[in-house]
Amino acid sequence: VVSTQSTGLLQGFGNFLSYSGTYIWVLEYVPEQYRVYYNTWSAMTWCFGYPILVGISYFIRNWHFIHLASAMVIALTYIPVVLLPDSPRYLMSIGKVEEARKVLILYSRLAKKPIDLNCVNLVVGENSSASKSDKMSIPARIAEFKEHKSLLLETVVQWYIWFVSCLLFYFLNYGWGSFGDTPYVNYLFAGLGEAIAYVVCVPVTKYLGRRMGMIFSLGVCCICFLLGMIPWQWSEVWSFERLMNMVAIVGASCAFALVFLYTNELAPTTHRGLVMSSCSVVARFAGFTGPFASDIFQSSTVKLGVSAVLAGSAALLTLLLPETRKLPIPERAEDVSSRRKEQGLVEICS
């Protein structure tokens, strides 16, 4: 038992570092017009993992070898992490301008469009001189949350949105009900439902934007939960509640996928790792709770009511956040306040 629990802790630790870290890393390379597609592709890889895991678990019944086979598949994903350098955006944010220059030259050669940056002065943001954020320690970066209240406000709001999005996602996919007679069928259906949602997420994010896209996704969940309270059952298996929960899965999965992109575009480069890490920690608590929601709330009406309140309140709080579509990613904490002023949002005095 101790060995299994220890393995689970190590797996969760590694899963967070590998997914969240590589997501931030790749996103800093991707131009704004392609981030929606990258975000969808990144989310779709979760869906590809479902049939792979089902196949491994179905044909390999010994859990020791299940872990071994899964580890061998995961090991392949670390090859680019070892071979490729840090993003130029991150290197410049910590003062390593020369290393950033070398990376830009390297990628220009890989694209067969070599450029000479030796005589170009690379700067972060609008200031050409080194900023106090260059080579700043982690405690100093944390202290900047107190200095820049707008950054703190947006981070706290994102904590709540992450908690609600992940709670609904895991509740609907793993704690609400069954689609088949075996866990294998249930798992495959969960992957199929997410795949549909991630495809829908592209036009929602592209045309509504990140902010309104999040509000729309959470709003769909809220409306579905409220409508699900209507007591209408037309067969032994199917009811209006079940139908509305299936539609809510699309909204919850869209919100779950979009929150990764939105958070990475909201957070400045100097604090992106801290913001993403803290949001993921909050989301992990939601992930623990979501699958047991049906056990916590015995009454279906109460369960749907609480879910509707959570989804609706998260949608309303999203109004406090700025839109990030077609805008540059902020580099430093002070850029967050500037962005809020430009969009006429509520400012908090430092």
Protein backbone atom coordinates (compact mmCIF):
# COMPACT_ATOMS: atom_id res chain seq x y z
CA VAL A 1 0.00 0.00 0.00
CA VAL A 2 2.80 2.42 0.91
CA SER A 3 4.56 1.62 -2.36
CA THR A 4 1.39 2.32 -4.37
CA GLN A 5 0.75 5.62 -2.57
CA SER A 6 4.36 6.70 -3.03
CA THR A 7 4.17 5.87 -6.73
CA GLY A 8 0.97 7.89 -7.04
CA LEU A 9 2.57 10.92 -5.39
CA LEU A 10 5.61 10.73 -7.66
CA GLN A 11 3.38 10.28 -10.69
CA GLY A 12 1.29 13.33 -9.80
CA PHE A 13 4.43 15.40 -9.18
CA GLY A 14 5.92 14.36 -12.51
CA ASN A 15 2.64 14.85 -14.37
CA PHE A 16 2.36 18.44 -13.20
CA LEU A 17 5.96 19.29 -14.06
CA SER A 18 5.84 17.67 -17.48
CA TYR A 19 2.49 19.01 -18.70
CA SER A 20 2.39 22.47 -17.14
CA GLY A 21 6.07 23.12 -17.77
CA THR A 22 6.04 22.07 -21.41
CA TYR A 23 2.76 23.93 -22.02
CA ILE A 24 4.28 27.23 -20.84
CA TRP A 25 7.51 26.48 -22.68
CA VAL A 26 5.87 25.86 -26.06
CA LEU A 27 3.28 28.65 -25.69
CA GLU A 28 6.05 31.24 -25.40
CA TYR A 29 7.17 30.24 -28.90
CA VAL A 30 3.72 30.33 -30.53
CA PRO A 31 2.46 33.53 -32.24
CA GLU A 32 -0.88 34.88 -30.99
CA GLN A 33 -2.87 33.87 -34.08
CA TYR A 34 -1.87 30.22 -33.65
CA ARG A 35 -2.25 29.86 -29.88
CA VAL A 36 -5.90 28.77 -30.13
CA TYR A 37 -4.90 25.86 -32.36
CA TYR A 38 -1.94 24.96 -30.18
CA ASN A 39 -4.17 25.01 -27.10
CA THR A 40 -6.70 22.72 -28.79
CA TRP A 41 -4.00 20.35 -30.02
CA SER A 42 -2.49 20.26 -26.53
CA ALA A 43 -5.91 19.42 -25.05
CA MET A 44 -6.53 16.78 -27.73
CA THR A 45 -3.40 14.94 -26.62
CA TRP A 46 -5.27 14.23 -23.38
CA CYS A 47 -7.93 12.50 -25.46
CA PHE A 48 -5.32 10.46 -27.33
CA GLY A 49 -4.12 9.26 -23.96
CA TYR A 50 -7.47 7.66 -23.14
CA PRO A 51 -7.40 4.88 -25.80
CA ILE A 52 -3.69 4.30 -25.16
CA LEU A 53 -4.30 3.86 -21.44
CA VAL A 54 -7.38 1.69 -22.10
CA GLY A 55 -5.35 -0.52 -24.44
CA ILE A 56 -2.48 -0.87 -21.98
CA SER A 57 -4.83 -1.68 -19.09
CA TYR A 58 -6.93 -4.10 -21.16
CA PHE A 59 -4.07 -6.21 -22.49
CA ILE A 60 -1.77 -5.93 -19.46
CA ARG A 61 -3.53 -6.95 -16.26
CA ASN A 62 -0.57 -6.79 -13.87
CA TRP A 63 -0.36 -3.27 -12.43
CA HIS A 64 3.44 -3.45 -12.19
CA PHE A 65 3.72 -3.87 -15.95
CA ILE A 66 0.95 -1.30 -16.55
CA HIS A 67 3.11 1.32 -14.85
CA LEU A 68 6.19 0.11 -16.73
CA ALA A 69 4.46 0.26 -20.13
CA SER A 70 3.04 3.72 -19.37
CA ALA A 71 6.47 4.95 -18.28
CA MET A 72 8.01 3.73 -21.55
CA VAL A 73 5.42 5.69 -23.56
CA ILE A 74 5.91 8.82 -21.44
CA ALA A 75 9.70 8.58 -21.72
CA LEU A 76 9.45 9.32 -25.45
CA THR A 77 7.87 12.70 -24.74
CA TYR A 78 10.94 13.88 -22.83
CA ILE A 79 13.21 13.74 -25.88
CA PRO A 80 12.37 17.28 -27.14
CA VAL A 81 12.57 18.64 -23.58
CA VAL A 82 16.19 17.49 -23.36
CA LEU A 83 17.20 18.57 -26.86
CA LEU A 84 15.52 21.97 -27.23
CA PRO A 85 16.52 25.21 -25.38
CA ASP A 86 14.47 27.57 -23.20
CA SER A 87 12.28 30.10 -24.96
CA PRO A 88 13.92 33.46 -25.84
CA ARG A 89 11.06 35.25 -24.08
CA TYR A 90 11.87 33.54 -20.77
CA LEU A 91 15.65 33.95 -21.18
CA MET A 92 15.27 37.68 -21.76
CA SER A 93 12.92 38.05 -18.78
CA ILE A 94 15.68 36.77 -16.48
CA GLY A 95 18.42 38.84 -18.08
CA LYS A 96 20.05 36.18 -20.29
CA VAL A 97 19.90 38.28 -23.45
CA GLU A 98 22.88 36.67 -25.17
CA GLU A 99 21.45 33.18 -24.69
CA ALA A 100 18.13 34.41 -26.10
CA ARG A 101 19.99 35.80 -29.11
CA LYS A 102 21.63 32.42 -29.75
CA VAL A 103 18.27 30.62 -29.55
CA LEU A 104 16.66 33.04 -32.01
CA ILE A 105 19.54 32.54 -34.45
CA LEU A 106 19.27 28.76 -34.02
CA TYR A 107 15.56 28.69 -34.85
CA SER A 108 15.99 31.06 -37.78
CA ARG A 109 18.46 28.57 -39.24
CA LEU A 110 16.10 25.66 -38.62
CA ALA A 111 13.42 27.61 -40.50
CA LYS A 112 15.93 28.11 -43.35
CA LYS A 113 15.61 31.87 -42.92
CA PRO A 114 18.85 32.79 -41.14
CA ILE A 115 19.02 36.25 -39.60
CA ASP A 116 21.93 38.17 -38.11
CA LEU A 117 21.10 39.48 -34.65
CA ASN A 118 24.63 40.31 -33.57
CA CYS A 119 24.07 44.03 -34.19
CA VAL A 120 20.48 44.06 -32.90
CA ASN A 121 19.72 45.33 -29.40
CA LEU A 122 17.21 42.89 -27.88
CA VAL A 123 14.91 44.43 -25.27
CA VAL A 124 12.09 43.23 -23.04
CA GLY A 125 9.01 45.41 -23.33
CA GLU A 126 9.57 49.10 -23.93
CA ASN A 127 12.71 49.58 -21.84
CA SER A 128 16.09 48.85 -23.35
CA SER A 129 17.91 48.87 -20.03
CA ALA A 130 18.00 45.97 -17.62
CA SER A 131 15.03 45.92 -15.30
CA LYS A 132 14.84 45.00 -11.64
CA SER A 133 13.00 41.83 -12.72
CA ASP A 134 16.14 40.54 -14.46
CA LYS A 135 17.64 37.66 -12.48
CA MET A 136 15.08 38.26 -9.73
CA SER A 137 14.85 35.47 -7.15
CA ILE A 138 11.65 33.55 -6.56
CA PRO A 139 10.98 35.21 -3.15
CA ALA A 140 11.40 38.61 -4.83
CA ARG A 141 8.96 37.64 -7.55
CA ILE A 142 6.44 36.53 -4.93
CA ALA A 143 6.89 39.88 -3.15
CA GLU A 144 5.90 41.65 -6.36
CA PHE A 145 2.37 40.32 -5.94
CA LYS A 146 2.06 42.62 -2.92
CA GLU A 147 3.52 45.55 -4.82
CA HIS A 148 1.38 45.06 -7.94
CA LYS A 149 -2.17 44.59 -6.70
CA SER A 150 -3.57 44.13 -10.21
CA LEU A 151 -1.40 41.05 -10.66
CA LEU A 152 -2.60 39.73 -7.30
CA LEU A 153 -6.26 40.39 -8.17
CA GLU A 154 -6.06 38.59 -11.51
CA THR A 155 -4.22 35.65 -9.95
CA VAL A 156 -6.80 35.19 -7.17
CA VAL A 157 -9.67 35.35 -9.68
CA GLN A 158 -7.89 32.75 -11.78
CA TRP A 159 -7.53 30.49 -8.74
CA TYR A 160 -11.30 30.43 -8.39
CA ILE A 161 -11.89 29.90 -12.11
CA TRP A 162 -9.38 27.05 -12.15
CA PHE A 163 -11.02 25.46 -9.10
CA VAL A 164 -14.52 25.62 -10.58
CA SER A 165 -13.46 24.55 -14.10
CA CYS A 166 -11.56 21.51 -12.84
CA LEU A 167 -14.21 20.62 -10.26
CA LEU A 168 -16.94 20.55 -12.93
CA PHE A 169 -14.66 18.78 -15.41
CA TYR A 170 -13.80 15.91 -13.07
CA PHE A 171 -17.30 15.77 -11.62
CA LEU A 172 -18.98 15.40 -15.01
CA ASN A 173 -16.41 13.07 -16.53
CA TYR A 174 -15.64 10.80 -13.58
CA GLY A 175 -18.18 11.33 -10.82
CA TRP A 176 -21.58 11.79 -12.41
CA GLY A 177 -22.53 8.49 -14.01
CA SER A 178 -21.71 5.67 -16.42
CA PHE A 179 -22.07 5.42 -20.18
CA GLY A 180 -21.27 1.72 -20.51
CA ASP A 181 -21.05 -1.57 -18.71
CA THR A 182 -17.30 -1.52 -18.09
CA PRO A 183 -14.71 1.06 -16.98
CA TYR A 184 -13.03 0.70 -20.38
CA VAL A 185 -16.16 1.89 -22.22
CA ASN A 186 -16.67 4.72 -19.72
CA TYR A 187 -13.11 5.90 -20.19
CA LEU A 188 -13.40 5.85 -23.99
CA PHE A 189 -16.68 7.80 -23.87
CA ALA A 190 -15.03 10.37 -21.58
CA GLY A 191 -12.27 10.82 -24.15
CA LEU A 192 -14.78 11.13 -27.00
CA GLY A 193 -16.80 13.77 -25.17
CA GLU A 194 -13.68 15.80 -24.44
CA ALA A 195 -12.51 15.57 -28.06
CA ILE A 196 -15.81 17.04 -29.28
CA ALA A 197 -15.56 19.83 -26.72
CA TYR A 198 -11.99 20.71 -27.67
CA VAL A 199 -12.95 21.00 -31.34
CA VAL A 200 -15.84 23.31 -30.38
CA CYS A 201 -13.39 25.32 -28.27
CA VAL A 202 -11.59 26.59 -31.39
CA PRO A 203 -14.40 28.74 -32.88
CA VAL A 204 -15.59 29.75 -29.40
CA THR A 205 -12.14 31.07 -28.47
CA LYS A 206 -11.34 32.50 -31.89
CA TYR A 207 -14.52 34.52 -32.39
CA LEU A 208 -15.60 35.29 -28.82
CA GLY A 209 -12.13 35.80 -27.40
CA ARG A 210 -10.60 34.33 -24.27
CA ARG A 211 -12.66 36.33 -21.78
CA MET A 212 -16.08 35.93 -23.42
CA GLY A 213 -15.20 32.36 -24.40
CA MET A 214 -14.65 31.49 -20.74
CA ILE A 215 -17.87 33.25 -19.73
CA PHE A 216 -19.76 31.41 -22.49
CA SER A 217 -18.37 27.99 -21.48
CA LEU A 218 -19.12 28.44 -17.79
CA GLY A 219 -22.51 29.97 -18.66
CA VAL A 220 -23.45 26.86 -20.66
CA CYS A 221 -22.64 24.76 -17.60
CA CYS A 222 -24.71 26.99 -15.32
CA ILE A 223 -27.78 26.94 -17.62
CA CYS A 224 -27.55 23.16 -18.13
CA PHE A 225 -27.39 22.53 -14.39
CA LEU A 226 -30.43 24.74 -13.79
CA LEU A 227 -32.41 23.07 -16.58
CA GLY A 228 -31.33 19.67 -15.29
CA MET A 229 -33.48 20.24 -12.21
CA ILE A 230 -36.60 19.72 -14.34
CA PRO A 231 -38.00 16.32 -13.25
CA TRP A 232 -38.49 14.64 -16.63
CA GLN A 233 -37.53 11.02 -17.21
CA TRP A 234 -38.71 9.28 -20.40
CA SER A 235 -36.99 5.92 -19.95
CA GLU A 236 -35.30 3.81 -17.31
CA VAL A 237 -31.88 5.17 -18.32
CA TRP A 238 -32.54 8.56 -19.90
CA SER A 239 -33.77 11.70 -18.17
CA PHE A 240 -33.58 15.43 -18.83
CA GLU A 241 -31.00 15.71 -16.07
CA ARG A 242 -28.78 13.16 -17.81
CA LEU A 243 -29.15 14.96 -21.15
CA MET A 244 -28.30 18.36 -19.65
CA ASN A 245 -25.27 16.93 -17.88
CA MET A 246 -24.01 15.54 -21.18
CA VAL A 247 -24.32 19.01 -22.74
CA ALA A 248 -22.63 20.51 -19.67
CA ILE A 249 -19.65 18.21 -20.30
CA VAL A 250 -18.95 20.18 -23.48
CA GLY A 251 -19.02 23.49 -21.59
CA ALA A 252 -16.90 22.19 -18.73
CA SER A 253 -14.32 20.67 -21.10
CA CYS A 254 -14.14 23.93 -23.09
CA ALA A 255 -13.58 25.89 -19.89
CA PHE A 256 -10.99 23.36 -18.73
CA ALA A 257 -9.04 23.69 -22.00
CA LEU A 258 -9.42 27.46 -22.28
CA VAL A 259 -8.25 28.16 -18.73
CA PHE A 260 -4.74 26.95 -19.62
CA LEU A 261 -4.45 29.35 -22.56
CA TYR A 262 -6.11 32.27 -20.77
CA THR A 263 -3.91 32.02 -17.69
CA ASN A 264 -0.71 31.84 -19.70
CA GLU A 265 -1.69 34.94 -21.67
CA LEU A 266 -2.77 36.86 -18.57
CA ALA A 267 0.35 36.19 -16.50
CA PRO A 268 3.55 38.15 -17.25
CA THR A 269 6.59 36.17 -18.38
CA THR A 270 8.43 36.91 -15.13
CA HIS A 271 5.62 35.38 -13.06
CA ARG A 272 4.04 32.90 -15.49
CA GLY A 273 5.54 29.85 -13.79
CA LEU A 274 4.40 30.99 -10.34
CA VAL A 275 0.87 31.84 -11.47
CA MET A 276 0.49 28.62 -13.46
CA SER A 277 1.86 26.54 -10.58
CA SER A 278 -0.41 28.09 -7.97
CA CYS A 279 -3.46 27.68 -10.24
CA SER A 280 -2.57 24.04 -10.84
CA VAL A 281 -2.27 23.40 -7.10
CA VAL A 282 -5.77 24.83 -6.57
CA ALA A 283 -7.02 22.70 -9.47
CA ARG A 284 -5.59 19.55 -7.89
CA PHE A 285 -7.85 20.04 -4.86
CA ALA A 286 -10.80 20.33 -7.24
CA GLY A 287 -9.61 17.18 -9.00
CA PHE A 288 -9.71 15.29 -5.69
CA THR A 289 -13.23 16.51 -4.90
CA GLY A 290 -14.95 16.35 -8.29
CA PRO A 291 -15.28 12.56 -8.68
CA PHE A 292 -16.89 12.32 -5.20
CA ALA A 293 -19.46 15.10 -5.71
CA SER A 294 -22.28 12.57 -6.11
CA ASP A 295 -21.34 11.01 -2.77
CA ILE A 296 -21.06 14.37 -1.01
CA PHE A 297 -24.48 15.58 -2.22
CA GLN A 298 -27.07 12.82 -2.05
CA SER A 299 -29.83 15.05 -3.40
CA SER A 300 -29.69 15.53 -7.16
CA THR A 301 -31.31 18.96 -6.91
CA VAL A 302 -28.77 20.17 -4.36
CA LYS A 303 -25.92 18.79 -6.45
CA LEU A 304 -27.14 20.59 -9.57
CA GLY A 305 -27.88 23.78 -7.64
CA VAL A 306 -24.40 23.97 -6.11
CA SER A 307 -22.82 23.27 -9.50
CA ALA A 308 -24.91 26.03 -11.12
CA VAL A 309 -23.89 28.55 -8.44
CA LEU A 310 -20.21 27.68 -8.84
CA ALA A 311 -20.32 27.91 -12.64
CA GLY A 312 -22.33 31.15 -12.60
CA SER A 313 -20.14 32.87 -10.02
CA ALA A 314 -16.98 31.90 -11.91
CA ALA A 315 -18.46 33.33 -15.11
CA LEU A 316 -19.26 36.62 -13.35
CA LEU A 317 -15.79 36.88 -11.81
CA THR A 318 -14.28 36.46 -15.27
CA LEU A 319 -15.62 39.97 -16.00
CA LEU A 320 -12.84 41.27 -13.72
CA LEU A 321 -10.20 39.91 -16.10
CA PRO A 322 -9.00 41.59 -19.31
CA GLU A 323 -9.25 40.25 -22.84
CA THR A 324 -5.98 38.86 -24.22
CA ARG A 325 -6.91 38.05 -27.82
CA LYS A 326 -4.75 39.86 -30.42
CA LEU A 327 -2.67 41.41 -27.63
CA PRO A 328 1.00 40.84 -26.76
CA ILE A 329 1.80 38.71 -23.74
CA PRO A 330 2.87 40.91 -20.79
CA GLU A 331 6.53 40.59 -19.90
CA ARG A 332 6.63 42.10 -16.40
CA ALA A 333 4.31 42.69 -13.47
CA GLU A 334 3.85 46.38 -14.29
CA ASP A 335 2.56 45.46 -17.75
CA VAL A 336 -0.50 43.88 -16.09
CA SER A 337 -1.57 47.21 -14.59
CA SER A 338 -1.00 48.97 -17.91
CA ARG A 339 -3.21 46.46 -19.70
CA ARG A 340 -6.04 46.92 -17.20
CA LYS A 341 -5.88 50.71 -17.64
CA GLU A 342 -6.01 50.39 -21.42
CA GLN A 343 -9.15 48.21 -21.20
CA GLY A 344 -10.83 50.40 -18.57
CA LEU A 345 -10.99 47.66 -15.92
CA VAL A 346 -11.10 48.03 -12.14
CA GLU A 347 -7.73 49.10 -10.75
CA ILE A 348 -6.53 48.36 -7.24
CA CYS A 349 -4.23 50.94 -5.70
CA SER A 350 -0.89 49.62 -4.48
